[in-house]
Structure formats: C-alpha cells, structure tokens
Amino acid sequence: MSDSDSLHRFLFEDIGVRGELVQLDASWQAVLARHEYPDAVRRQLGQALAAASLLSATIKFQGSLILQAQGSGPLTTLVAQATHQRSLRGLARWQGEVPTGDLRTTFGDGRLVLTIQNQGADPYQGIVALDGANLADALRGYFEQSEQLRTRLWLCADGERAVGLLLQELPASSREADDWERVALLAETVTERELLQLPAETLLYRLFNEEKVRLFPPEGVTFRCGCSRERIETVLRSLGRDEVESLLAEQGHVLVDCEFCNRHYRFDAVDVERLLRDDAPAAVSPTRH
C-alpha cells in the first residue's frame, strides 16, 4: 500500500511509547470537493481530520470519534468524524474573513469537544478550552486534563494533503524517566514541509533512526459519508406530521441537504405522505458509524 490515505502505526520497543502517522490525500481531496473553504479554514479542517483519524486509532471501539471545535469568532464550527472502519468526514462553518493565527484569533472564545460513540455503550465526552497556538496544543491540553497518558500531536494541512503524527505513552509499561522526553524531542524537530512531502518510512527513519522502532503494515483511510435517504426519512418522521407538512406547504417539497457530502434529498407530496402515513413500515435502524 502506498502512503496515500494510510495510517501507519509504530512502536518504540522496550520503552513503552507508541506512535501513529496518518497521511490523507484522496480522502482529503474528497472533503474539499464538497465545499469551497478559505485557506485558513481549510488548514484547520485538514488538521482536525488528521487528528480525528489518529485519536480513533488509539482506542478499541465499534463506532465513531467526533472532534468538534466551537467558537465565537470567525471560524464558528469545525467537525471531524472518524470511524473504527477508518472512514472520515468533516465540515466547517465560518463567517466573514477568517484570519490566520492562534486558536483564539481564529475561533475566538471556544471549546473543543471530543465524543466517542461506541455501539452498546453510553457516549463518552470530554471538553477542553480552545487554547494554544494550534489544534495540536489544544489536544495536548485535553490529554493533560482528562487522561493519564502523555500524548503529543503534530498536525498540518495544505490544499493537497493533511498529515498528523502522534506519540503516546503506553499504560503500565516499564520505562526510564527520560524515554518520553527523548522521543518527543526527536519528533519536535519535524518540519511542516517534511510532514507534507516525505514518504512515511522516510520520515520516521529521519526522526527516529537511533531508536528501536517496529513499523506495522499501513491501514487504508477513506472518505465516506454515512447519510442516506432512509436516515433522512427517519429524521423527518421524528419531526412529526405537522412540522413536515408545514415545510411541504411552504415550499411545495421538502429539501434536506447533507452538510458533510453536499448531497441533496428531495421529498415531494407523494413521498411525504408515504413516509408519514400511519401504516408506513418503520425505517431500518441505522448502523452507527
């Protein structure tokens, strides 16, 4: 498998540290093809998608991990979702011109919400302030507050590729006090150009060639939106007959747009009556991603 749209796991043997490197090309282009984002928004969204992919790979679950940033500033909403099947989707909302700068400049006062939806379990949610120079800084703050394992991320994105590098301590492992500091300092030397341009094995060798590192086979990552007409019908039923018929009377049809993939779902009067009539079969319960 090539580096394109791949997640690479690696392990520092004997010192209790693991790592991941994700490189998104076609999947990132698929996200960009759905909406035209300003440059500053595009960079933030690419970093969020890379981060969601990395974080979802650190846990065992059947479901989805959602990374959501909300702020009062120019960039109001950023959503990135990754599933256990290594699929991604994301979107951003903004108003006016979005400046390039630290998180407060871009988002204003805001918060970062991490939600894990695991089949058969209650959702887990962690919240941290949107503070720091970039999204990687905010996530470092999240792990310092919410988790017991030290974790660092390096994230970058341009119009062609989104990339993320993660290091994390392993639980209950025997290690010297300076092991973590040493590999984190090595990773700190990486440049944005290297992240965006170097093949995975070349990059990891450049950073960690003096360490004993085991690199596992890469896993493919894809863009996929979980929307469907059946899911939209379930949402419309949940609104109730009065609300849906009011929309139908106002517009002559009901139009629902998926913000993630920009797909349009149109329901005319016949469609609405079919899905709302009392004897309509219940919609198949959607599989959570």
C-alpha atoms as a PDB file:
ATOM      1  CA  MET A   1       0.000   0.000   0.000  1.00  0.00           C
ATOM      2  CA  SER A   2       1.292   3.484  -0.820  1.00  0.00           C
ATOM      3  CA  ASP A   3       1.468   6.311   1.686  1.00  0.00           C
ATOM      4  CA  SER A   4      -1.612   7.910   0.148  1.00  0.00           C
ATOM      5  CA  ASP A   5      -4.545   7.769   2.577  1.00  0.00           C
ATOM      6  CA  SER A   6      -2.813   5.487   5.038  1.00  0.00           C
ATOM      7  CA  LEU A   7      -2.482   5.180   8.790  1.00  0.00           C
ATOM      8  CA  HIS A   8       0.912   3.876   9.936  1.00  0.00           C
ATOM      9  CA  ARG A   9       1.293   2.512  13.462  1.00  0.00           C
ATOM     10  CA  PHE A  10       4.721   2.119  15.036  1.00  0.00           C
ATOM     11  CA  LEU A  11       6.095   1.077  18.402  1.00  0.00           C
ATOM     12  CA  PHE A  12       9.244   2.093  20.251  1.00  0.00           C
ATOM     13  CA  GLU A  13      10.156  -1.304  21.563  1.00  0.00           C
ATOM     14  CA  ASP A  14      11.320  -1.622  25.167  1.00  0.00           C
ATOM     15  CA  ILE A  15      10.496   1.962  26.167  1.00  0.00           C
ATOM     16  CA  GLY A  16       6.687   2.000  26.350  1.00  0.00           C
ATOM     17  CA  VAL A  17       5.849   4.566  23.659  1.00  0.00           C
ATOM     18  CA  ARG A  18       3.690   4.085  20.575  1.00  0.00           C
ATOM     19  CA  GLY A  19       3.164   6.276  17.554  1.00  0.00           C
ATOM     20  CA  GLU A  20       0.940   6.836  14.563  1.00  0.00           C
ATOM     21  CA  LEU A  21       1.382   8.714  11.307  1.00  0.00           C
ATOM     22  CA  VAL A  22      -1.580   9.436   9.036  1.00  0.00           C
ATOM     23  CA  GLN A  23      -1.332  10.873   5.535  1.00  0.00           C
ATOM     24  CA  LEU A  24      -4.549  11.919   3.785  1.00  0.00           C
ATOM     25  CA  ASP A  25      -4.617  12.638   0.064  1.00  0.00           C
ATOM     26  CA  ALA A  26      -7.669  11.416  -1.898  1.00  0.00           C
ATOM     27  CA  SER A  27      -9.834  11.381   1.229  1.00  0.00           C
ATOM     28  CA  TRP A  28      -8.817  14.979   1.992  1.00  0.00           C
ATOM     29  CA  GLN A  29      -9.497  15.996  -1.607  1.00  0.00           C
ATOM     30  CA  ALA A  30     -12.948  14.379  -1.361  1.00  0.00           C
ATOM     31  CA  VAL A  31     -13.752  16.588   1.642  1.00  0.00           C
ATOM     32  CA  LEU A  32     -12.521  19.708  -0.158  1.00  0.00           C
ATOM     33  CA  ALA A  33     -14.534  18.864  -3.279  1.00  0.00           C
ATOM     34  CA  ARG A  34     -17.805  19.184  -1.333  1.00  0.00           C
ATOM     35  CA  HIS A  35     -17.274  22.787  -0.201  1.00  0.00           C
ATOM     36  CA  GLU A  36     -15.043  25.710  -1.124  1.00  0.00           C
ATOM     37  CA  TYR A  37     -13.179  26.684   2.038  1.00  0.00           C
ATOM     38  CA  PRO A  38     -10.978  29.746   2.605  1.00  0.00           C
ATOM     39  CA  ASP A  39      -7.321  28.899   3.121  1.00  0.00           C
ATOM     40  CA  ALA A  40      -7.313  29.462   6.891  1.00  0.00           C
ATOM     41  CA  VAL A  41     -10.438  27.304   7.311  1.00  0.00           C
ATOM     42  CA  ARG A  42      -9.048  24.588   5.051  1.00  0.00           C
ATOM     43  CA  ARG A  43      -5.886  24.268   7.115  1.00  0.00           C
ATOM     44  CA  GLN A  44      -7.849  23.946  10.366  1.00  0.00           C
ATOM     45  CA  LEU A  45     -10.230  21.364   8.903  1.00  0.00           C
ATOM     46  CA  GLY A  46      -7.390  19.260   7.493  1.00  0.00           C
ATOM     47  CA  GLN A  47      -5.640  19.258  10.851  1.00  0.00           C
ATOM     48  CA  ALA A  48      -8.881  18.241  12.585  1.00  0.00           C
ATOM     49  CA  LEU A  49      -9.414  15.320  10.195  1.00  0.00           C
ATOM     50  CA  ALA A  50      -5.855  14.110  10.703  1.00  0.00           C
ATOM     51  CA  ALA A  51      -6.278  14.412  14.477  1.00  0.00           C
ATOM     52  CA  ALA A  52      -9.587  12.523  14.482  1.00  0.00           C
ATOM     53  CA  SER A  53      -8.024   9.718  12.454  1.00  0.00           C
ATOM     54  CA  LEU A  54      -5.079   9.457  14.834  1.00  0.00           C
ATOM     55  CA  LEU A  55      -7.161   9.557  18.016  1.00  0.00           C
ATOM     56  CA  SER A  56      -9.670   6.991  16.760  1.00  0.00           C
ATOM     57  CA  ALA A  57      -6.794   4.586  16.155  1.00  0.00           C
ATOM     58  CA  THR A  58      -5.644   4.774  19.793  1.00  0.00           C
ATOM     59  CA  ILE A  59      -8.821   3.104  21.131  1.00  0.00           C
ATOM     60  CA  LYS A  60     -10.680  -0.154  20.531  1.00  0.00           C
ATOM     61  CA  PHE A  61     -14.302   0.570  19.690  1.00  0.00           C
ATOM     62  CA  GLN A  62     -17.103  -0.034  17.229  1.00  0.00           C
ATOM     63  CA  GLY A  63     -18.470   3.360  16.322  1.00  0.00           C
ATOM     64  CA  SER A  64     -17.191   6.856  15.736  1.00  0.00           C
ATOM     65  CA  LEU A  65     -14.986   9.510  17.268  1.00  0.00           C
ATOM     66  CA  ILE A  66     -16.110  13.093  16.717  1.00  0.00           C
ATOM     67  CA  LEU A  67     -13.826  16.071  17.199  1.00  0.00           C
ATOM     68  CA  GLN A  68     -15.770  19.335  17.335  1.00  0.00           C
ATOM     69  CA  ALA A  69     -14.454  22.860  17.861  1.00  0.00           C
ATOM     70  CA  GLN A  70     -16.942  25.647  18.529  1.00  0.00           C
ATOM     71  CA  GLY A  71     -16.086  29.309  18.903  1.00  0.00           C
ATOM     72  CA  SER A  72     -17.490  32.831  18.969  1.00  0.00           C
ATOM     73  CA  GLY A  73     -15.038  34.134  16.389  1.00  0.00           C
ATOM     74  CA  PRO A  74     -14.752  33.990  12.586  1.00  0.00           C
ATOM     75  CA  LEU A  75     -14.430  30.175  12.469  1.00  0.00           C
ATOM     76  CA  THR A  76     -17.544  29.130  14.373  1.00  0.00           C
ATOM     77  CA  THR A  77     -17.671  25.361  13.913  1.00  0.00           C
ATOM     78  CA  LEU A  78     -15.257  22.616  12.952  1.00  0.00           C
ATOM     79  CA  VAL A  79     -16.349  18.960  12.901  1.00  0.00           C
ATOM     80  CA  ALA A  80     -14.238  15.908  12.044  1.00  0.00           C
ATOM     81  CA  GLN A  81     -15.520  12.354  12.398  1.00  0.00           C
ATOM     82  CA  ALA A  82     -13.518   9.124  12.154  1.00  0.00           C
ATOM     83  CA  THR A  83     -14.897   5.605  12.487  1.00  0.00           C
ATOM     84  CA  HIS A  84     -13.419   2.277  13.531  1.00  0.00           C
ATOM     85  CA  GLN A  85     -13.579   1.369   9.826  1.00  0.00           C
ATOM     86  CA  ARG A  86     -11.033   4.132   9.089  1.00  0.00           C
ATOM     87  CA  SER A  87     -13.550   6.312   7.264  1.00  0.00           C
ATOM     88  CA  LEU A  88     -13.538  10.101   7.601  1.00  0.00           C
ATOM     89  CA  ARG A  89     -15.819  13.044   7.018  1.00  0.00           C
ATOM     90  CA  GLY A  90     -15.744  16.650   8.148  1.00  0.00           C
ATOM     91  CA  LEU A  91     -17.080  20.166   7.689  1.00  0.00           C
ATOM     92  CA  ALA A  92     -16.515  23.741   8.828  1.00  0.00           C
ATOM     93  CA  ARG A  93     -18.696  26.842   9.208  1.00  0.00           C
ATOM     94  CA  TRP A  94     -17.361  30.373   9.284  1.00  0.00           C
ATOM     95  CA  GLN A  95     -18.462  33.980   8.927  1.00  0.00           C
ATOM     96  CA  GLY A  96     -16.608  36.777   7.189  1.00  0.00           C
ATOM     97  CA  GLU A  97     -12.857  36.733   6.742  1.00  0.00           C
ATOM     98  CA  VAL A  98     -11.020  34.125   8.800  1.00  0.00           C
ATOM     99  CA  PRO A  99      -7.556  35.342   9.868  1.00  0.00           C
ATOM    100  CA  THR A 100      -4.534  33.104  10.237  1.00  0.00           C
ATOM    101  CA  GLY A 101      -3.217  32.943  13.780  1.00  0.00           C
ATOM    102  CA  ASP A 102      -3.546  31.125  17.061  1.00  0.00           C
ATOM    103  CA  LEU A 103      -6.763  29.414  18.121  1.00  0.00           C
ATOM    104  CA  ARG A 104      -8.166  32.472  19.864  1.00  0.00           C
ATOM    105  CA  THR A 105      -7.569  34.602  16.753  1.00  0.00           C
ATOM    106  CA  THR A 106      -9.319  32.064  14.531  1.00  0.00           C
ATOM    107  CA  PHE A 107     -12.070  30.740  16.812  1.00  0.00           C
ATOM    108  CA  GLY A 108     -12.469  33.461  19.450  1.00  0.00           C
ATOM    109  CA  ASP A 109     -13.640  32.140  22.801  1.00  0.00           C
ATOM    110  CA  GLY A 110     -14.320  28.471  22.233  1.00  0.00           C
ATOM    111  CA  ARG A 111     -14.154  24.889  23.348  1.00  0.00           C
ATOM    112  CA  LEU A 112     -13.007  21.582  21.922  1.00  0.00           C
ATOM    113  CA  VAL A 113     -15.341  18.609  22.399  1.00  0.00           C
ATOM    114  CA  LEU A 114     -14.250  15.012  21.908  1.00  0.00           C
ATOM    115  CA  THR A 115     -17.111  12.495  21.677  1.00  0.00           C
ATOM    116  CA  ILE A 116     -16.735   8.722  21.365  1.00  0.00           C
ATOM    117  CA  GLN A 117     -19.859   6.839  20.267  1.00  0.00           C
ATOM    118  CA  ASN A 118     -19.350   3.145  20.902  1.00  0.00           C
ATOM    119  CA  GLN A 119     -22.023   0.615  19.965  1.00  0.00           C
ATOM    120  CA  GLY A 120     -23.672  -0.849  23.045  1.00  0.00           C
ATOM    121  CA  ALA A 121     -22.270   1.810  25.388  1.00  0.00           C
ATOM    122  CA  ASP A 122     -23.154   5.319  26.500  1.00  0.00           C
ATOM    123  CA  PRO A 123     -21.283   8.056  24.604  1.00  0.00           C
ATOM    124  CA  TYR A 124     -18.134   9.405  26.224  1.00  0.00           C
ATOM    125  CA  GLN A 125     -17.481  13.140  26.003  1.00  0.00           C
ATOM    126  CA  GLY A 126     -14.520  15.268  27.029  1.00  0.00           C
ATOM    127  CA  ILE A 127     -14.354  19.065  26.813  1.00  0.00           C
ATOM    128  CA  VAL A 128     -11.386  21.437  26.958  1.00  0.00           C
ATOM    129  CA  ALA A 129     -10.903  25.132  26.165  1.00  0.00           C
ATOM    130  CA  LEU A 130      -9.670  26.106  22.702  1.00  0.00           C
ATOM    131  CA  ASP A 131      -6.350  27.477  23.895  1.00  0.00           C
ATOM    132  CA  GLY A 132      -2.922  27.399  22.313  1.00  0.00           C
ATOM    133  CA  ALA A 133      -1.175  28.144  19.073  1.00  0.00           C
ATOM    134  CA  ASN A 134      -2.944  25.377  17.161  1.00  0.00           C
ATOM    135  CA  LEU A 135      -5.230  22.374  17.413  1.00  0.00           C
ATOM    136  CA  ALA A 136      -2.359  20.115  18.480  1.00  0.00           C
ATOM    137  CA  ASP A 137      -1.793  22.373  21.503  1.00  0.00           C
ATOM    138  CA  ALA A 138      -5.468  22.191  22.483  1.00  0.00           C
ATOM    139  CA  LEU A 139      -5.435  18.404  22.237  1.00  0.00           C
ATOM    140  CA  ARG A 140      -2.290  18.265  24.345  1.00  0.00           C
ATOM    141  CA  GLY A 141      -4.194  20.252  26.972  1.00  0.00           C
ATOM    142  CA  TYR A 142      -7.097  17.815  26.698  1.00  0.00           C
ATOM    143  CA  PHE A 143      -4.889  14.816  27.399  1.00  0.00           C
ATOM    144  CA  GLU A 144      -3.149  16.583  30.264  1.00  0.00           C
ATOM    145  CA  GLN A 145      -6.529  17.279  31.900  1.00  0.00           C
ATOM    146  CA  SER A 146      -8.529  14.181  31.003  1.00  0.00           C
ATOM    147  CA  GLU A 147      -6.138  11.268  30.503  1.00  0.00           C
ATOM    148  CA  GLN A 148      -3.285   9.677  32.399  1.00  0.00           C
ATOM    149  CA  LEU A 149      -1.118   9.036  29.331  1.00  0.00           C
ATOM    150  CA  ARG A 150       1.157  11.727  27.949  1.00  0.00           C
ATOM    151  CA  THR A 151       0.283  12.398  24.317  1.00  0.00           C
ATOM    152  CA  ARG A 152       1.673  14.762  21.674  1.00  0.00           C
ATOM    153  CA  LEU A 153       0.448  15.538  18.165  1.00  0.00           C
ATOM    154  CA  TRP A 154       1.924  17.361  15.186  1.00  0.00           C
ATOM    155  CA  LEU A 155      -0.662  18.387  12.567  1.00  0.00           C
ATOM    156  CA  CYS A 156      -0.544  20.219   9.254  1.00  0.00           C
ATOM    157  CA  ALA A 157      -2.556  20.550   6.062  1.00  0.00           C
ATOM    158  CA  ASP A 158      -2.442  22.355   2.749  1.00  0.00           C
ATOM    159  CA  GLY A 159      -4.562  22.183  -0.376  1.00  0.00           C
ATOM    160  CA  GLU A 160      -3.161  18.783  -1.353  1.00  0.00           C
ATOM    161  CA  ARG A 161      -2.536  16.761   1.811  1.00  0.00           C
ATOM    162  CA  ALA A 162      -3.415  16.587   5.505  1.00  0.00           C
ATOM    163  CA  VAL A 163      -0.951  14.877   7.852  1.00  0.00           C
ATOM    164  CA  GLY A 164      -0.759  14.030  11.521  1.00  0.00           C
ATOM    165  CA  LEU A 165       1.881  12.475  13.780  1.00  0.00           C
ATOM    166  CA  LEU A 166       1.057  11.167  17.268  1.00  0.00           C
ATOM    167  CA  LEU A 167       3.186   9.890  20.140  1.00  0.00           C
ATOM    168  CA  GLN A 168       1.648   8.380  23.272  1.00  0.00           C
ATOM    169  CA  GLU A 169       2.883   6.608  26.362  1.00  0.00           C
ATOM    170  CA  LEU A 170       1.656   3.076  26.834  1.00  0.00           C
ATOM    171  CA  PRO A 171      -0.102   2.248  30.102  1.00  0.00           C
ATOM    172  CA  ALA A 172       1.659   0.095  32.724  1.00  0.00           C
ATOM    173  CA  SER A 173       4.912  -0.155  30.789  1.00  0.00           C
ATOM    174  CA  SER A 174       8.391  -0.165  32.281  1.00  0.00           C
ATOM    175  CA  ARG A 175      10.403   2.802  31.067  1.00  0.00           C
ATOM    176  CA  GLU A 176      13.178   5.130  32.069  1.00  0.00           C
ATOM    177  CA  ALA A 177      12.206   8.622  33.162  1.00  0.00           C
ATOM    178  CA  ASP A 178      13.746  10.263  30.112  1.00  0.00           C
ATOM    179  CA  ASP A 179      12.383   7.901  27.426  1.00  0.00           C
ATOM    180  CA  TRP A 180       9.327  10.005  26.721  1.00  0.00           C
ATOM    181  CA  GLU A 181      11.248  13.279  26.721  1.00  0.00           C
ATOM    182  CA  ARG A 182      13.838  11.881  24.322  1.00  0.00           C
ATOM    183  CA  VAL A 183      11.441  10.646  21.626  1.00  0.00           C
ATOM    184  CA  ALA A 184       9.233  13.745  21.999  1.00  0.00           C
ATOM    185  CA  LEU A 185      12.268  15.965  21.420  1.00  0.00           C
ATOM    186  CA  LEU A 186      13.166  13.936  18.338  1.00  0.00           C
ATOM    187  CA  ALA A 187       9.649  14.361  16.972  1.00  0.00           C
ATOM    188  CA  GLU A 188       9.768  18.076  17.749  1.00  0.00           C
ATOM    189  CA  THR A 189      12.443  18.512  15.058  1.00  0.00           C
ATOM    190  CA  VAL A 190       9.981  17.623  12.289  1.00  0.00           C
ATOM    191  CA  THR A 191       9.089  20.404   9.870  1.00  0.00           C
ATOM    192  CA  GLU A 192       5.791  21.030   8.136  1.00  0.00           C
ATOM    193  CA  ARG A 193       7.485  20.503   4.780  1.00  0.00           C
ATOM    194  CA  GLU A 194       8.745  17.074   5.875  1.00  0.00           C
ATOM    195  CA  LEU A 195       5.318  16.044   7.136  1.00  0.00           C
ATOM    196  CA  LEU A 196       3.637  17.076   3.896  1.00  0.00           C
ATOM    197  CA  GLN A 197       6.213  15.756   1.443  1.00  0.00           C
ATOM    198  CA  LEU A 198       8.185  12.794   2.800  1.00  0.00           C
ATOM    199  CA  PRO A 199       7.024   9.169   2.459  1.00  0.00           C
ATOM    200  CA  ALA A 200       6.070   7.611   5.789  1.00  0.00           C
ATOM    201  CA  GLU A 201       9.071   5.298   6.185  1.00  0.00           C
ATOM    202  CA  THR A 202      11.496   8.020   5.134  1.00  0.00           C
ATOM    203  CA  LEU A 203      10.012  10.454   7.625  1.00  0.00           C
ATOM    204  CA  LEU A 204      10.018   8.003  10.519  1.00  0.00           C
ATOM    205  CA  TYR A 205      13.597   6.944   9.766  1.00  0.00           C
ATOM    206  CA  ARG A 206      14.753  10.566   9.664  1.00  0.00           C
ATOM    207  CA  LEU A 207      13.188  11.244  13.053  1.00  0.00           C
ATOM    208  CA  PHE A 208      13.842   8.028  14.935  1.00  0.00           C
ATOM    209  CA  ASN A 209      16.702   6.153  13.256  1.00  0.00           C
ATOM    210  CA  GLU A 210      18.599   5.884  16.559  1.00  0.00           C
ATOM    211  CA  GLU A 211      15.636   4.207  18.293  1.00  0.00           C
ATOM    212  CA  LYS A 212      14.403   0.626  18.074  1.00  0.00           C
ATOM    213  CA  VAL A 213      11.148   1.106  16.169  1.00  0.00           C
ATOM    214  CA  ARG A 214       8.749  -1.540  14.872  1.00  0.00           C
ATOM    215  CA  LEU A 215       6.583  -0.320  11.962  1.00  0.00           C
ATOM    216  CA  PHE A 216       3.315  -2.180  11.376  1.00  0.00           C
ATOM    217  CA  PRO A 217       1.620  -2.631   7.976  1.00  0.00           C
ATOM    218  CA  PRO A 218      -0.328   0.501   6.936  1.00  0.00           C
ATOM    219  CA  GLU A 219      -4.122   0.688   7.110  1.00  0.00           C
ATOM    220  CA  GLY A 220      -6.177   2.410   4.421  1.00  0.00           C
ATOM    221  CA  VAL A 221      -8.220   5.524   5.199  1.00  0.00           C
ATOM    222  CA  THR A 222     -11.183   6.673   3.081  1.00  0.00           C
ATOM    223  CA  PHE A 223     -13.728   9.466   2.868  1.00  0.00           C
ATOM    224  CA  ARG A 224     -17.257   8.224   3.434  1.00  0.00           C
ATOM    225  CA  CYS A 225     -20.432   9.990   4.461  1.00  0.00           C
ATOM    226  CA  GLY A 226     -22.990   7.989   6.410  1.00  0.00           C
ATOM    227  CA  CYS A 227     -26.036   9.834   5.115  1.00  0.00           C
ATOM    228  CA  SER A 228     -28.777   8.004   3.183  1.00  0.00           C
ATOM    229  CA  ARG A 229     -32.354   8.599   2.129  1.00  0.00           C
ATOM    230  CA  GLU A 230     -33.522   6.112   4.764  1.00  0.00           C
ATOM    231  CA  ARG A 231     -31.757   8.056   7.510  1.00  0.00           C
ATOM    232  CA  ILE A 232     -33.242  11.329   6.307  1.00  0.00           C
ATOM    233  CA  GLU A 233     -36.701   9.747   6.329  1.00  0.00           C
ATOM    234  CA  THR A 234     -36.139   8.705   9.951  1.00  0.00           C
ATOM    235  CA  VAL A 235     -35.254  12.307  10.829  1.00  0.00           C
ATOM    236  CA  LEU A 236     -38.351  13.651   9.068  1.00  0.00           C
ATOM    237  CA  ARG A 237     -40.599  11.186  10.902  1.00  0.00           C
ATOM    238  CA  SER A 238     -39.094  12.352  14.175  1.00  0.00           C
ATOM    239  CA  LEU A 239     -40.147  15.939  13.364  1.00  0.00           C
ATOM    240  CA  GLY A 240     -43.807  14.939  13.299  1.00  0.00           C
ATOM    241  CA  ARG A 241     -46.566  15.312  10.715  1.00  0.00           C
ATOM    242  CA  ASP A 242     -47.380  18.966  11.463  1.00  0.00           C
ATOM    243  CA  GLU A 243     -43.809  20.180  11.031  1.00  0.00           C
ATOM    244  CA  VAL A 244     -43.163  18.220   7.831  1.00  0.00           C
ATOM    245  CA  GLU A 245     -46.484  19.208   6.252  1.00  0.00           C
ATOM    246  CA  SER A 246     -45.778  22.831   7.127  1.00  0.00           C
ATOM    247  CA  LEU A 247     -42.476  22.620   5.232  1.00  0.00           C
ATOM    248  CA  LEU A 248     -44.246  20.958   2.311  1.00  0.00           C
ATOM    249  CA  ALA A 249     -46.945  23.666   2.172  1.00  0.00           C
ATOM    250  CA  GLU A 250     -44.345  26.437   2.310  1.00  0.00           C
ATOM    251  CA  GLN A 251     -42.002  25.124  -0.380  1.00  0.00           C
ATOM    252  CA  GLY A 252     -44.022  22.589  -2.353  1.00  0.00           C
ATOM    253  CA  HIS A 253     -41.438  19.973  -1.394  1.00  0.00           C
ATOM    254  CA  VAL A 254     -39.067  19.150   1.446  1.00  0.00           C
ATOM    255  CA  LEU A 255     -35.383  19.517   0.633  1.00  0.00           C
ATOM    256  CA  VAL A 256     -32.718  18.226   3.007  1.00  0.00           C
ATOM    257  CA  ASP A 257     -29.023  18.836   2.384  1.00  0.00           C
ATOM    258  CA  CYS A 258     -26.204  16.819   3.940  1.00  0.00           C
ATOM    259  CA  GLU A 259     -23.560  19.315   5.003  1.00  0.00           C
ATOM    260  CA  PHE A 260     -20.811  16.678   5.056  1.00  0.00           C
ATOM    261  CA  CYS A 261     -21.095  15.440   1.470  1.00  0.00           C
ATOM    262  CA  ASN A 262     -23.324  18.160  -0.062  1.00  0.00           C
ATOM    263  CA  ARG A 263     -25.840  15.567  -1.240  1.00  0.00           C
ATOM    264  CA  HIS A 264     -29.442  16.758  -1.681  1.00  0.00           C
ATOM    265  CA  TYR A 265     -32.542  14.772  -0.717  1.00  0.00           C
ATOM    266  CA  ARG A 266     -35.869  15.948  -2.175  1.00  0.00           C
ATOM    267  CA  PHE A 267     -39.280  14.754  -0.957  1.00  0.00           C
ATOM    268  CA  ASP A 268     -42.442  15.715  -2.844  1.00  0.00           C
ATOM    269  CA  ALA A 269     -46.030  15.456  -1.576  1.00  0.00           C
ATOM    270  CA  VAL A 270     -46.275  11.768  -2.506  1.00  0.00           C
ATOM    271  CA  ASP A 271     -43.004  10.984  -0.709  1.00  0.00           C
ATOM    272  CA  VAL A 272     -44.125  12.844   2.398  1.00  0.00           C
ATOM    273  CA  GLU A 273     -47.481  11.082   2.552  1.00  0.00           C
ATOM    274  CA  ARG A 274     -45.819   7.710   2.125  1.00  0.00           C
ATOM    275  CA  LEU A 275     -43.351   8.175   4.953  1.00  0.00           C
ATOM    276  CA  LEU A 276     -45.877   9.769   7.315  1.00  0.00           C
ATOM    277  CA  ARG A 277     -48.895   7.530   6.876  1.00  0.00           C
ATOM    278  CA  ASP A 278     -49.734   5.527   9.963  1.00  0.00           C
ATOM    279  CA  ASP A 279     -49.094   2.151   8.399  1.00  0.00           C
ATOM    280  CA  ALA A 280     -45.722   3.098   6.924  1.00  0.00           C
ATOM    281  CA  PRO A 281     -43.122   0.492   7.843  1.00  0.00           C
ATOM    282  CA  ALA A 282     -40.634   1.574  10.437  1.00  0.00           C
ATOM    283  CA  ALA A 283     -37.332   2.645   8.996  1.00  0.00           C
ATOM    284  CA  VAL A 284     -34.430   0.291   9.469  1.00  0.00           C
ATOM    285  CA  SER A 285     -32.439   1.392  12.474  1.00  0.00           C
ATOM    286  CA  PRO A 286     -29.280   2.960  11.074  1.00  0.00           C
ATOM    287  CA  THR A 287     -25.933   1.468  11.922  1.00  0.00           C
ATOM    288  CA  ARG A 288     -23.935   3.971  13.901  1.00  0.00           C
ATOM    289  CA  HIS A 289     -20.600   4.905  12.368  1.00  0.00           C
END
